[in-house]
Protein backbone atom coordinates (compact mmCIF):
# COMPACT_ATOMS: atom_id res chain seq x y z
CA MET A 1 8.08 -13.14 -59.62
CA HIS A 2 9.92 -10.15 -60.12
CA SER A 3 12.57 -9.23 -57.88
CA ILE A 4 11.23 -5.97 -56.72
CA GLN A 5 8.07 -7.72 -56.37
CA ARG A 6 9.72 -10.42 -54.06
CA ARG A 7 10.98 -7.24 -51.88
CA LEU A 8 8.07 -6.00 -51.67
CA VAL A 9 6.63 -8.80 -50.63
CA LEU A 10 8.97 -9.30 -48.12
CA ALA A 11 8.76 -6.35 -46.43
CA GLY A 12 5.62 -6.55 -45.98
CA LEU A 13 6.28 -9.89 -44.00
CA LEU A 14 8.86 -8.17 -41.83
CA ALA A 15 6.69 -5.13 -40.73
CA ALA A 16 3.70 -7.12 -40.61
CA PRO A 17 4.78 -8.02 -36.90
CA ALA A 18 5.80 -4.58 -36.12
CA LEU A 19 2.62 -2.92 -37.50
CA ARG A 20 0.31 -5.15 -35.08
CA THR A 21 2.64 -4.81 -32.22
CA ALA A 22 1.91 -0.69 -32.65
CA SER A 23 -1.32 -1.50 -33.54
CA ALA A 24 -1.48 -2.94 -30.02
CA GLN A 25 0.01 -0.37 -28.18
CA GLU A 26 -2.25 2.09 -30.15
CA VAL A 27 -5.68 0.83 -29.57
CA TRP A 28 -4.71 -0.19 -25.44
CA PRO A 29 -7.16 -1.52 -24.24
CA ALA A 30 -9.02 -3.12 -26.65
CA ARG A 31 -10.86 -5.56 -23.94
CA PRO A 32 -11.66 -5.51 -19.83
CA VAL A 33 -8.55 -4.89 -18.11
CA GLN A 34 -8.16 -7.27 -14.46
CA ILE A 35 -6.70 -5.26 -11.49
CA ILE A 36 -5.35 -7.39 -9.09
CA ASN A 37 -6.23 -6.64 -5.55
CA PRO A 38 -3.97 -9.16 -3.19
CA TRP A 39 -6.30 -8.47 -0.15
CA PRO A 40 -9.94 -9.32 1.07
CA ALA A 41 -12.75 -7.60 -0.13
CA GLY A 42 -14.18 -4.47 2.00
CA GLY A 43 -10.68 -3.39 3.07
CA SER A 44 -9.01 -0.10 2.77
CA SER A 45 -6.77 -1.10 -0.64
CA ASP A 46 -9.97 -3.47 -1.91
CA THR A 47 -12.20 0.14 -1.30
CA MET A 48 -9.54 2.20 -3.64
CA ALA A 49 -8.77 -0.44 -6.43
CA ARG A 50 -12.86 -0.15 -7.09
CA LEU A 51 -12.54 3.80 -7.27
CA PHE A 52 -9.71 3.45 -9.47
CA ALA A 53 -11.09 0.60 -11.19
CA GLN A 54 -13.97 2.94 -11.92
CA ARG A 55 -11.87 6.07 -12.54
CA PHE A 56 -9.82 4.08 -15.11
CA SER A 57 -13.30 2.44 -17.18
CA GLN A 58 -14.32 6.16 -17.50
CA ALA A 59 -11.04 7.42 -18.28
CA PHE A 60 -10.35 4.30 -21.32
CA GLY A 61 -13.63 3.75 -22.21
CA GLN A 62 -13.21 -0.26 -20.86
CA GLN A 63 -14.28 -2.36 -18.20
CA PHE A 64 -11.38 -2.10 -15.40
CA VAL A 65 -12.46 -5.07 -12.93
CA VAL A 66 -11.27 -5.64 -9.55
CA ASP A 67 -10.39 -9.52 -8.98
CA ASN A 68 -9.42 -10.09 -5.12
CA ARG A 69 -6.68 -12.93 -4.61
CA ALA A 70 -5.60 -12.72 -0.26
CA GLY A 71 -3.58 -15.03 0.92
CA ALA A 72 0.21 -15.53 2.61
CA SER A 73 0.70 -11.56 3.28
CA GLY A 74 -0.35 -10.61 -0.48
CA THR A 75 1.96 -12.85 -2.00
CA ILE A 76 -0.65 -14.94 -3.65
CA GLY A 77 -2.07 -12.13 -6.01
CA HIS A 78 1.56 -11.05 -6.38
CA GLY A 79 2.40 -14.18 -7.69
CA VAL A 80 -0.47 -14.09 -10.52
CA VAL A 81 0.31 -10.86 -11.55
CA ALA A 82 4.51 -11.92 -11.85
CA ARG A 83 3.23 -14.56 -14.09
CA ALA A 84 1.21 -12.75 -16.11
CA ARG A 85 1.55 -11.52 -20.01
CA PRO A 86 3.03 -8.30 -20.03
CA ASP A 87 0.40 -6.63 -22.39
CA GLY A 88 -1.23 -4.27 -20.06
CA TYR A 89 -4.72 -6.41 -18.86
CA THR A 90 -3.77 -7.71 -15.92
CA LEU A 91 -2.65 -4.96 -13.34
CA LEU A 92 -2.01 -5.37 -9.39
CA PHE A 93 -3.23 -2.77 -6.58
CA ALA A 94 -0.40 -3.55 -3.98
CA THR A 95 0.15 -2.29 -0.74
CA ASN A 96 3.65 -1.51 0.79
CA SER A 97 3.17 -4.34 3.71
CA THR A 98 3.47 -7.05 0.57
CA TYR A 99 5.78 -4.88 -1.74
CA ALA A 100 8.13 -3.48 0.80
CA ILE A 101 7.55 -5.77 3.73
CA ALA A 102 7.29 -9.20 2.38
CA PRO A 103 10.62 -9.54 1.10
CA HIS A 104 12.61 -9.26 4.50
CA LEU A 105 10.31 -11.96 5.90
CA ILE A 106 9.52 -14.58 3.18
CA ASP A 107 12.23 -16.57 2.23
CA PRO A 108 11.76 -17.54 -0.61
CA LEU A 109 8.93 -15.74 -2.39
CA PRO A 110 7.25 -16.87 -5.39
CA TYR A 111 8.69 -14.23 -7.81
CA ASP A 112 11.16 -11.64 -7.73
CA ASN A 113 10.06 -8.90 -6.07
CA ARG A 114 11.84 -6.11 -8.39
CA ALA A 115 12.43 -8.01 -11.72
CA GLY A 116 9.47 -9.33 -11.69
CA PHE A 117 7.07 -6.49 -11.57
CA THR A 118 7.03 -2.85 -13.38
CA GLY A 119 6.37 0.05 -11.27
CA ILE A 120 3.56 2.45 -12.52
CA SER A 121 2.66 4.82 -9.65
CA LEU A 122 2.18 5.31 -6.16
CA VAL A 123 -1.18 5.88 -5.81
CA GLY A 124 -1.90 7.50 -2.67
CA ARG A 125 -1.35 6.68 1.11
CA THR A 126 -3.09 5.64 4.15
CA PRO A 127 -2.40 6.91 7.65
CA GLN A 128 -2.20 5.31 11.05
CA ALA A 129 -3.17 6.60 14.25
CA LEU A 130 -1.46 5.82 17.43
CA CYS A 131 -4.64 4.95 19.53
CA VAL A 132 -5.03 3.38 23.45
CA HIS A 133 -7.79 2.29 25.27
CA PRO A 134 -9.92 5.19 26.91
CA GLY A 135 -8.82 4.07 30.46
CA LEU A 136 -5.18 4.59 29.10
CA PRO A 137 -4.41 7.93 31.98
CA VAL A 138 -2.44 9.76 28.73
CA SER A 139 -3.55 12.40 26.57
CA ASN A 140 -0.67 13.12 24.38
CA ILE A 141 1.92 11.43 22.70
CA ALA A 142 4.78 12.91 25.36
CA GLU A 143 2.54 11.64 28.27
CA PHE A 144 2.17 7.74 26.42
CA LEU A 145 6.05 8.09 26.04
CA ALA A 146 6.41 8.51 29.90
CA TYR A 147 3.59 6.08 30.86
CA VAL A 148 5.31 2.92 29.03
CA ARG A 149 9.04 4.37 30.02
CA ALA A 150 7.87 3.67 33.68
CA ARG A 151 6.53 0.45 32.99
CA PRO A 152 8.65 -1.17 30.93
CA GLU A 153 7.03 -4.99 28.90
CA GLN A 154 3.67 -3.84 31.10
CA VAL A 155 2.07 -2.14 28.43
CA SER A 156 0.28 -4.69 25.45
CA PHE A 157 0.04 -3.81 22.00
CA SER A 158 -1.70 -5.12 18.88
CA SER A 159 -1.11 -5.58 15.55
CA ALA A 160 -3.01 -7.40 12.49
CA GLY A 161 -0.36 -9.76 12.55
CA ILE A 162 3.29 -10.41 13.03
CA GLY A 163 4.99 -8.44 10.42
CA ALA A 164 2.07 -6.26 9.41
CA SER A 165 2.37 -2.84 9.05
CA SER A 166 0.83 -2.21 12.45
CA HIS A 167 3.01 -4.37 13.68
CA LEU A 168 6.28 -2.99 12.06
CA ALA A 169 4.86 0.30 12.99
CA THR A 170 4.60 -0.02 16.82
CA GLU A 171 8.85 -2.07 16.47
CA MET A 172 9.74 1.50 14.80
CA LEU A 173 8.54 3.64 17.64
CA MET A 174 10.22 1.32 20.28
CA ALA A 175 13.19 1.52 18.42
CA ILE A 176 13.31 5.46 18.08
CA ALA A 177 11.69 6.29 21.36
CA GLY A 178 13.31 3.51 23.29
CA LEU A 179 10.42 1.72 24.51
CA ARG A 180 9.71 -2.26 25.97
CA MET A 181 5.92 -3.19 25.17
CA LEU A 182 4.55 -6.43 24.61
CA HIS A 183 3.44 -7.67 21.42
CA VAL A 184 0.09 -9.29 20.95
CA PRO A 185 -0.73 -10.25 17.28
CA TYR A 186 -3.96 -11.06 16.11
CA ARG A 187 -5.26 -12.14 12.69
CA GLY A 188 -6.20 -9.54 10.81
CA GLY A 189 -7.01 -5.17 11.47
CA ALA A 190 -10.45 -5.86 12.74
CA PRO A 191 -9.51 -7.73 15.94
CA SER A 192 -6.39 -6.00 16.31
CA MET A 193 -8.78 -3.04 16.54
CA GLN A 194 -11.09 -4.38 18.73
CA ALA A 195 -8.63 -5.73 21.17
CA VAL A 196 -7.99 -2.02 22.01
CA VAL A 197 -11.43 -1.17 22.30
CA ALA A 198 -12.19 -4.21 24.42
CA GLY A 199 -9.30 -3.44 26.73
CA GLU A 200 -7.57 -6.59 26.09
CA THR A 201 -3.92 -4.72 25.31
CA GLN A 202 -3.83 -0.87 25.40
CA MET A 203 -2.33 0.74 22.17
CA SER A 204 -1.96 0.13 18.31
CA PHE A 205 -1.36 1.87 15.16
CA ILE A 206 -4.75 1.97 13.52
CA ASP A 207 -5.61 3.05 9.99
CA ALA A 208 -6.94 6.64 10.44
CA VAL A 209 -10.41 5.84 8.70
CA SER A 210 -11.43 2.72 10.82
CA SER A 211 -10.82 4.72 14.25
CA LEU A 212 -12.63 7.67 13.60
CA PRO A 213 -16.12 6.13 14.49
CA HIS A 214 -14.57 4.81 18.34
CA ARG A 215 -13.01 8.12 18.60
CA ALA A 216 -16.75 9.59 18.32
CA ALA A 217 -18.32 6.94 20.69
CA GLY A 218 -15.51 7.08 23.25
CA THR A 219 -13.96 3.87 22.71
CA LEU A 220 -10.42 4.94 21.62
CA LYS A 221 -8.49 7.86 22.05
CA LEU A 222 -6.55 9.13 19.07
CA LEU A 223 -2.83 10.52 19.89
CA ALA A 224 -0.90 10.88 16.83
CA VAL A 225 -0.54 10.24 13.13
CA GLY A 226 2.48 8.56 11.66
CA THR A 227 3.23 9.92 8.56
CA ALA A 228 5.33 12.45 8.08
CA ALA A 229 2.52 15.09 7.67
CA ARG A 230 -0.62 15.72 9.30
CA SER A 231 -3.63 13.67 7.65
CA SER A 232 -6.56 15.89 5.82
CA LEU A 233 -8.83 13.62 7.11
CA LEU A 234 -7.20 14.35 10.98
CA PRO A 235 -5.65 17.88 10.64
CA GLU A 236 -6.05 18.36 14.24
CA LEU A 237 -4.30 15.25 15.61
CA PRO A 238 -0.40 16.04 15.64
CA THR A 239 2.10 13.99 13.59
CA LEU A 240 4.58 11.17 16.07
CA ALA A 241 7.73 13.61 14.69
CA GLU A 242 6.48 16.68 15.63
CA SER A 243 5.58 15.35 18.93
CA GLY A 244 9.08 14.58 19.71
CA VAL A 245 9.31 10.75 17.83
CA THR A 246 12.02 12.32 15.58
CA GLY A 247 11.69 10.61 11.98
CA PHE A 248 8.97 8.60 12.63
CA ASP A 249 7.10 7.72 9.33
CA SER A 250 4.80 4.89 8.68
CA SER A 251 1.59 4.46 6.81
CA THR A 252 -0.04 1.71 4.03
CA ASP A 253 0.88 3.08 0.80
CA MET A 254 -0.71 2.14 -2.18
CA ALA A 255 0.33 1.30 -5.57
CA LEU A 256 -0.50 0.30 -9.14
CA MET A 257 2.15 -1.93 -10.72
CA GLY A 258 2.11 -4.52 -13.57
CA PRO A 259 3.94 -7.75 -14.50
CA ALA A 260 7.72 -6.88 -15.60
CA GLY A 261 8.16 -5.65 -19.04
CA LEU A 262 4.88 -4.00 -19.21
CA PRO A 263 5.13 -1.50 -22.56
CA SER A 264 6.51 1.62 -21.63
CA VAL A 265 3.12 3.14 -23.88
CA VAL A 266 0.56 1.61 -21.37
CA VAL A 267 2.93 2.64 -18.35
CA GLU A 268 2.99 6.19 -19.32
CA ARG A 269 -1.42 6.23 -20.03
CA LEU A 270 -1.95 4.65 -16.96
CA ALA A 271 0.21 6.87 -14.60
CA GLY A 272 -1.21 9.34 -16.72
CA ALA A 273 -4.21 8.34 -15.72
CA VAL A 274 -3.87 8.14 -12.08
CA ARG A 275 -2.05 11.43 -11.83
CA ALA A 276 -5.35 12.81 -13.81
CA ALA A 277 -7.48 11.59 -11.18
CA VAL A 278 -5.65 12.61 -8.05
CA ASP A 279 -5.58 15.96 -9.61
CA ASP A 280 -9.49 16.65 -10.10
CA PRO A 281 -10.91 17.92 -6.82
CA ALA A 282 -14.17 15.21 -6.51
CA PHE A 283 -12.19 12.36 -6.74
CA ARG A 284 -9.49 13.52 -4.30
CA GLN A 285 -12.26 14.46 -1.98
CA GLN A 286 -13.33 11.00 -2.59
CA MET A 287 -9.82 9.45 -1.54
CA ILE A 288 -9.35 11.70 1.07
CA THR A 289 -13.15 11.00 2.78
CA GLN A 290 -12.21 7.12 2.49
CA GLY A 291 -8.77 7.92 4.32
CA THR A 292 -6.38 8.00 1.86
CA GLU A 293 -3.69 10.31 1.06
CA PRO A 294 -3.84 11.53 -2.86
CA ILE A 295 -0.39 10.86 -4.34
CA GLY A 296 -0.16 10.21 -7.97
CA ASP A 297 3.44 10.13 -8.66
CA SER A 298 5.41 9.17 -11.73
CA PRO A 299 6.72 5.40 -12.53
CA ALA A 300 10.45 6.94 -11.89
CA GLU A 301 8.99 8.83 -8.53
CA PHE A 302 7.55 5.27 -7.53
CA GLN A 303 10.92 3.40 -8.33
CA ASP A 304 12.68 5.49 -6.00
CA TYR A 305 10.56 5.67 -3.34
CA TRP A 306 10.07 1.59 -3.92
CA THR A 307 14.19 1.42 -3.18
CA ARG A 308 13.59 3.26 -0.35
CA GLU A 309 10.78 1.84 1.43
CA ILE A 310 12.33 -1.57 1.05
CA ALA A 311 15.35 -0.91 3.02
CA LYS A 312 13.53 1.42 5.26
CA TRP A 313 11.39 -1.75 6.79
CA GLY A 314 14.25 -3.84 5.76
CA GLU A 315 16.60 -2.20 8.12
CA VAL A 316 13.34 -2.35 11.16
CA ILE A 317 12.91 -5.91 10.42
CA LYS A 318 16.33 -6.50 10.65
CA SER A 319 17.76 -4.34 13.78
CA ARG A 320 14.59 -5.85 15.61
CA GLY A 321 15.20 -9.48 14.89
CA ILE A 322 11.31 -9.67 13.59
CA ARG A 323 10.67 -13.34 12.02
CA ALA A 324 7.45 -14.41 10.03
CA ALA A 325 5.22 -16.74 12.27
CA GLY A 326 5.02 -20.19 11.24
């Protein structure tokens, strides 16, 4: 073989892997994509994950399929994604209760909470409503605060479990407002809400969309929402911050993530698809109807938010002396 021919063959062999990689990136997705939801089917995060999966399937021309891998405060599903190949075919639909709260309560985690993942976009935020039993003689936050302050450790609140967002939201409220209440943890949001309805406890933070039927039926009173801005679903309900609990901001935040090392072209395409979805008026309305405020930020914005959220909940957990159950 002539030297020129040898050089051409060698150049072709060296270029082949790069060409295959570029080709793989250009055609992504070339087969169905799995979205891991680390929570059980039927919850708010599952509803949003399936809504986005349907949207992505239409946008990319491949099936995006939601796979529920629940357990251990969401860490089982996170572990699945952390161990997955970073090829864009395994994604994670995560909530802040796992990517921001669990690291402070579970030691050791079965993965690195930051280095194990690629953040893509904060897709939406589900406001929590401060709900009380209808028999409680209060009609607004000022009256509620006065009532609790006059009865230290006599008013009870329910949560979806130790370390759940409903628990930590109440701990934040007590820290800011100087309250002392009794914590009654349950196994999940549904039994926690039912406890307030039944009068077993007097108060709880409940996802706004879940609380609406009970407000209509008169079995719950909604006093405020925990987000910094008012909810599109409950625009007439004030925020805790504007009701005098300065600095309060708590919600269930949902994000799209992937394993560490996810190719930038995949990250950019997915973030763009999220942005296009939340900019679509019909899709936005679907999200709002399901109780989630659309966001759709950039990968860089999500990284900044993620850092702040970890620090915020770490401070609440540390200052309040919260320890994981068991």
